Amino acid sequence: MADDPQSALKHVAAEDLPDVVRIASELYSRESERDSVRDSTVAAAMEMDIPLAYMERAAVIAQQERIDKAIAQRRKRTAAAIAACAVVGAAIAGGVKVAVSPNTNPPAPIVWSVGGSVDKWTPNLSPGSQATLTTRREESRGTVAVVNVTQFSPTTKSSGYFVNLDTRSLPSDISRYRELRATVKGNGLSHIRFAFENGNERWKTDVLAVPAQWGSELRVPLDSTGLDYQQRSGGVWHTERFKPLDKAAKLSVKLGDTVNPSDSRGEVAIDTIKID
């Protein structure tokens, strides 16, 4: 499986191993530094008598503010580009006024009510990891899907682990969709990531904080401000210069390695995921 690093290592050419060691060292250093900063920040907050629950709520708000700012910037760039096209069109027409009417009508939104369509979503686990996909009724939401993780495995920093929830119910062309939105809540698992995958390429979001209660949507622009573009070579994913998202074979919800620590236990409830 693509997200299983042990399987990936078997296919790495000998001449590429030094690069693998270098990248692994950089990942370990970066994630260790991130964990250290997080731990020291939480410790400082505790010394100030700030409850951890308020830190979690603040993390969700701060992340949403950053995403809202990126969306606003993208919309400004789009409006400027449309205006520029109108000016160029008029110039090409030799000074004759030409009404430029680009097809700016958005496609119909696609909404996955995950709890009502769990048959279209497939759990994908690394060997040894343990998780279940169930549904339950939530008073304010109706039927939601619940991914409950009881074990990530392997549980060492030198090996990867994954618990994914995948669907292949995607339109053939997603180039005109501009934003992903998700309504989720977590208990024990505090982060989530989404990825559009298409063979040996994928577009993945940042790690997103999961709120502890139903409330604001997670929102991610489907462009370079919200996605990283990666290609897989020799069983290893490499971040490349951004390529616009146009098509994908599946949408993957990721809860494992680089998203939640290996000793995490808990659940993420998913109401809806939407692209529009």
Protein backbone atom coordinates (compact mmCIF):
# COMPACT_ATOMS: atom_id res chain seq x y z
CA MET A 1 0.00 0.00 0.00
CA ALA A 2 1.23 3.49 -0.81
CA ASP A 3 1.23 4.76 2.78
CA ASP A 4 3.10 1.72 4.19
CA PRO A 5 6.77 2.86 4.52
CA GLN A 6 8.04 -0.65 5.25
CA SER A 7 6.68 -1.80 1.89
CA ALA A 8 8.11 1.31 0.24
CA LEU A 9 11.63 0.62 1.54
CA LYS A 10 11.71 -2.73 -0.22
CA HIS A 11 11.47 -0.95 -3.58
CA VAL A 12 14.08 1.77 -3.00
CA ALA A 13 17.14 1.43 -5.22
CA ALA A 14 20.48 1.15 -3.43
CA GLU A 15 21.73 4.43 -4.91
CA ASP A 16 18.68 6.20 -3.44
CA LEU A 17 19.22 4.99 0.14
CA PRO A 18 21.43 7.97 1.15
CA ASP A 19 18.60 10.30 0.11
CA VAL A 20 16.11 8.20 2.08
CA VAL A 21 18.30 8.45 5.21
CA ARG A 22 18.68 12.21 4.73
CA ILE A 23 14.95 12.77 4.28
CA ALA A 24 14.14 10.52 7.26
CA SER A 25 16.58 12.49 9.40
CA GLU A 26 15.00 15.78 8.35
CA LEU A 27 11.49 14.47 9.05
CA TYR A 28 12.50 13.15 12.46
CA SER A 29 14.22 16.42 13.35
CA ARG A 30 11.29 18.55 12.17
CA GLU A 31 8.66 16.45 13.95
CA SER A 32 10.72 16.22 17.14
CA GLU A 33 11.09 20.00 17.13
CA ARG A 34 7.35 20.40 16.52
CA ASP A 35 6.55 18.05 19.41
CA SER A 36 9.00 19.89 21.67
CA VAL A 37 7.47 23.27 20.84
CA ARG A 38 3.96 21.91 21.39
CA ASP A 39 4.89 20.36 24.74
CA SER A 40 6.62 23.51 25.99
CA THR A 41 3.69 25.67 24.88
CA VAL A 42 1.17 23.44 26.64
CA ALA A 43 3.36 23.39 29.75
CA ALA A 44 3.54 27.20 29.74
CA ALA A 45 -0.24 27.40 29.40
CA MET A 46 -0.70 25.03 32.32
CA GLU A 47 1.56 27.22 34.43
CA MET A 48 -0.74 30.13 33.57
CA ASP A 49 -3.71 27.99 34.73
CA ILE A 50 -5.16 27.87 31.19
CA PRO A 51 -7.14 24.59 30.86
CA LEU A 52 -6.04 22.32 28.01
CA ALA A 53 -9.58 22.36 26.58
CA TYR A 54 -9.25 26.10 25.95
CA MET A 55 -5.91 25.54 24.20
CA GLU A 56 -7.59 23.01 21.88
CA ARG A 57 -10.42 25.44 21.10
CA ALA A 58 -7.93 28.25 20.46
CA ALA A 59 -5.97 25.99 18.07
CA VAL A 60 -9.11 25.37 15.98
CA ILE A 61 -9.92 29.11 15.86
CA ALA A 62 -6.35 30.11 14.92
CA GLN A 63 -6.21 27.52 12.16
CA GLN A 64 -9.57 28.61 10.76
CA GLU A 65 -8.49 32.26 10.74
CA ARG A 66 -5.40 31.32 8.71
CA ILE A 67 -7.51 29.36 6.22
CA ASP A 68 -10.08 32.17 5.92
CA LYS A 69 -7.26 34.61 5.15
CA ALA A 70 -5.91 32.31 2.42
CA ILE A 71 -9.40 31.98 0.89
CA ALA A 72 -9.85 35.76 0.85
CA GLN A 73 -6.47 36.22 -0.87
CA ARG A 74 -7.32 33.59 -3.48
CA ARG A 75 -10.63 35.29 -4.28
CA LYS A 76 -8.86 38.62 -4.78
CA ARG A 77 -6.39 37.01 -7.19
CA THR A 78 -9.24 35.36 -9.12
CA ALA A 79 -11.12 38.66 -9.48
CA ALA A 80 -7.94 40.40 -10.66
CA ALA A 81 -7.28 37.65 -13.23
CA ILE A 82 -10.81 37.93 -14.65
CA ALA A 83 -10.46 41.70 -14.95
CA ALA A 84 -7.10 41.29 -16.71
CA CYS A 85 -8.61 38.83 -19.20
CA ALA A 86 -11.33 41.35 -20.05
CA VAL A 87 -8.74 44.06 -20.73
CA VAL A 88 -6.61 41.75 -22.91
CA GLY A 89 -9.67 40.61 -24.83
CA ALA A 90 -10.62 44.18 -25.63
CA ALA A 91 -7.07 44.96 -26.77
CA ILE A 92 -6.92 41.94 -29.07
CA ALA A 93 -10.18 43.02 -30.64
CA GLY A 94 -8.40 46.14 -31.90
CA GLY A 95 -10.02 48.55 -29.56
CA VAL A 96 -13.53 47.30 -30.16
CA LYS A 97 -15.40 46.83 -26.90
CA VAL A 98 -15.92 43.15 -26.33
CA ALA A 99 -17.95 41.74 -23.46
CA VAL A 100 -15.85 38.98 -21.90
CA SER A 101 -18.02 36.44 -20.11
CA PRO A 102 -15.84 33.65 -18.72
CA ASN A 103 -17.58 30.57 -17.40
CA THR A 104 -17.41 31.49 -13.75
CA ASN A 105 -20.48 29.52 -12.72
CA PRO A 106 -19.30 27.00 -10.14
CA PRO A 107 -20.12 23.32 -10.57
CA ALA A 108 -22.76 21.77 -8.35
CA PRO A 109 -21.31 21.03 -4.91
CA ILE A 110 -20.52 17.43 -4.04
CA VAL A 111 -21.54 16.46 -0.51
CA TRP A 112 -20.67 13.18 1.15
CA SER A 113 -22.96 12.49 4.10
CA VAL A 114 -20.47 9.95 5.35
CA GLY A 115 -22.69 8.34 7.98
CA GLY A 116 -25.38 7.68 5.39
CA SER A 117 -23.00 6.23 2.81
CA VAL A 118 -20.42 4.20 4.77
CA ASP A 119 -20.65 1.49 2.12
CA LYS A 120 -18.80 3.89 -0.20
CA TRP A 121 -15.97 4.44 2.30
CA THR A 122 -13.25 1.83 2.90
CA PRO A 123 -10.99 1.69 5.99
CA ASN A 124 -7.31 1.18 5.11
CA LEU A 125 -4.98 0.24 7.98
CA SER A 126 -1.27 -0.43 8.31
CA PRO A 127 -0.42 -3.97 9.51
CA GLY A 128 -1.01 -4.17 13.26
CA SER A 129 -3.09 -1.01 13.51
CA GLN A 130 -6.59 -1.52 14.88
CA ALA A 131 -9.61 0.65 14.08
CA THR A 132 -13.31 0.30 13.37
CA LEU A 133 -15.77 2.20 11.18
CA THR A 134 -19.29 2.44 12.60
CA THR A 135 -22.24 4.81 12.56
CA ARG A 136 -24.27 6.39 15.34
CA ARG A 137 -27.04 8.91 15.81
CA GLU A 138 -26.07 12.38 16.99
CA GLU A 139 -28.91 14.55 18.25
CA SER A 140 -27.82 17.64 16.33
CA ARG A 141 -26.52 15.86 13.21
CA GLY A 142 -28.40 12.66 12.51
CA THR A 143 -26.36 9.62 11.45
CA VAL A 144 -22.59 10.19 11.42
CA ALA A 145 -19.63 7.95 10.68
CA VAL A 146 -17.23 7.16 13.53
CA VAL A 147 -13.64 5.97 13.09
CA ASN A 148 -12.44 4.56 16.40
CA VAL A 149 -8.69 3.84 16.68
CA THR A 150 -7.58 1.47 19.44
CA GLN A 151 -4.00 1.00 18.22
CA PHE A 152 -1.53 2.51 15.78
CA SER A 153 1.22 0.09 14.76
CA PRO A 154 4.18 0.10 14.46
CA THR A 155 4.59 2.51 17.36
CA THR A 156 8.16 3.71 16.84
CA LYS A 157 9.31 6.97 15.23
CA SER A 158 11.42 5.03 12.74
CA SER A 159 8.41 3.27 11.23
CA GLY A 160 5.19 4.62 9.79
CA TYR A 161 1.60 3.72 10.57
CA PHE A 162 -1.69 4.69 9.03
CA VAL A 163 -5.43 4.56 9.49
CA ASN A 164 -7.17 5.95 6.41
CA LEU A 165 -10.79 6.16 5.28
CA ASP A 166 -11.05 6.20 1.47
CA THR A 167 -13.74 6.77 -1.13
CA ARG A 168 -13.58 6.50 -4.90
CA SER A 169 -16.90 8.29 -5.43
CA LEU A 170 -15.38 11.30 -7.16
CA PRO A 171 -16.32 13.14 -10.37
CA SER A 172 -14.01 12.69 -13.35
CA ASP A 173 -13.14 16.40 -13.40
CA ILE A 174 -12.58 18.30 -10.15
CA SER A 175 -10.54 21.17 -11.62
CA ARG A 176 -13.33 23.73 -11.08
CA TYR A 177 -13.90 22.95 -7.42
CA ARG A 178 -12.37 25.57 -5.17
CA GLU A 179 -12.79 24.45 -1.58
CA LEU A 180 -13.08 21.41 0.67
CA ARG A 181 -15.25 21.64 3.77
CA ALA A 182 -15.68 19.03 6.50
CA THR A 183 -17.78 18.83 9.64
CA VAL A 184 -16.03 16.63 12.17
CA LYS A 185 -15.37 16.29 15.90
CA GLY A 186 -12.81 14.27 17.84
CA ASN A 187 -12.31 12.60 21.17
CA GLY A 188 -8.74 11.45 21.80
CA LEU A 189 -7.72 12.02 18.17
CA SER A 190 -7.18 15.75 17.73
CA HIS A 191 -5.95 16.05 14.13
CA ILE A 192 -6.93 15.01 10.62
CA ARG A 193 -5.66 15.35 7.06
CA PHE A 194 -7.32 14.97 3.66
CA ALA A 195 -5.64 13.88 0.42
CA PHE A 196 -6.79 13.60 -3.19
CA GLU A 197 -4.84 10.69 -4.70
CA ASN A 198 -4.37 9.71 -8.31
CA GLY A 199 -1.92 6.86 -8.84
CA ASN A 200 1.60 8.16 -8.23
CA GLU A 201 0.53 11.71 -7.45
CA ARG A 202 -1.49 13.29 -4.67
CA TRP A 203 -2.63 16.62 -3.26
CA LYS A 204 -2.73 16.70 0.55
CA THR A 205 -3.89 19.28 3.05
CA ASP A 206 -1.99 20.47 6.08
CA VAL A 207 -2.64 18.68 9.35
CA LEU A 208 -5.91 20.18 10.60
CA ALA A 209 -7.04 20.50 14.22
CA VAL A 210 -10.25 18.57 14.96
CA PRO A 211 -12.71 20.39 17.25
CA ALA A 212 -13.94 18.53 20.33
CA GLN A 213 -17.54 19.55 19.62
CA TRP A 214 -19.70 20.01 16.54
CA GLY A 215 -19.36 23.56 15.34
CA SER A 216 -17.37 25.36 12.68
CA GLU A 217 -16.44 23.58 9.46
CA LEU A 218 -12.88 22.76 8.52
CA ARG A 219 -12.25 24.68 5.29
CA VAL A 220 -9.35 24.20 2.88
CA PRO A 221 -8.74 25.98 -0.46
CA LEU A 222 -8.10 23.49 -3.27
CA ASP A 223 -5.06 25.39 -4.57
CA SER A 224 -1.45 25.99 -3.57
CA THR A 225 -2.49 27.88 -0.43
CA GLY A 226 -4.26 24.82 0.97
CA LEU A 227 -2.63 21.81 -0.71
CA ASP A 228 0.83 20.30 -1.17
CA TYR A 229 1.47 18.43 -4.41
CA GLN A 230 3.51 15.21 -4.22
CA GLN A 231 4.72 12.53 -6.61
CA ARG A 232 5.74 9.01 -5.68
CA SER A 233 9.03 7.64 -6.94
CA GLY A 234 10.69 4.44 -5.75
CA GLY A 235 7.90 3.97 -3.22
CA VAL A 236 8.64 7.35 -1.57
CA TRP A 237 6.48 10.49 -1.78
CA HIS A 238 8.31 13.69 -2.76
CA THR A 239 6.87 17.20 -2.58
CA GLU A 240 7.12 18.86 -6.00
CA ARG A 241 6.31 22.22 -7.58
CA PHE A 242 2.58 22.71 -7.28
CA LYS A 243 0.37 21.33 -10.02
CA PRO A 244 -3.32 22.35 -10.04
CA LEU A 245 -5.70 19.66 -8.86
CA ASP A 246 -7.64 18.34 -11.84
CA LYS A 247 -8.57 14.71 -11.22
CA ALA A 248 -8.20 12.09 -8.52
CA ALA A 249 -9.05 8.42 -8.18
CA LYS A 250 -9.88 8.70 -4.49
CA LEU A 251 -10.30 11.00 -1.53
CA SER A 252 -8.52 9.78 1.60
CA VAL A 253 -9.14 10.83 5.21
CA LYS A 254 -5.89 10.32 7.15
CA LEU A 255 -5.49 9.91 10.91
CA GLY A 256 -2.13 8.14 11.27
CA ASP A 257 1.56 8.96 10.87
CA THR A 258 2.46 12.70 10.82
CA VAL A 259 -1.16 13.46 11.84
CA ASN A 260 -1.66 11.91 15.29
CA PRO A 261 1.06 10.52 17.63
CA SER A 262 1.52 6.75 17.60
CA ASP A 263 0.27 6.39 21.19
CA SER A 264 -3.03 8.19 20.41
CA ARG A 265 -6.29 6.38 21.09
CA GLY A 266 -9.76 7.68 20.37
CA GLU A 267 -12.24 8.53 17.67
CA VAL A 268 -13.14 11.01 14.98
CA ALA A 269 -16.80 11.43 14.07
CA ILE A 270 -17.50 12.64 10.52
CA ASP A 271 -20.81 14.22 9.52
CA THR A 272 -20.23 15.65 6.04
CA ILE A 273 -17.37 16.29 3.63
CA LYS A 274 -18.04 18.72 0.79
CA ILE A 275 -16.26 20.20 -2.22
CA ASP A 276 -17.66 23.24 -3.98
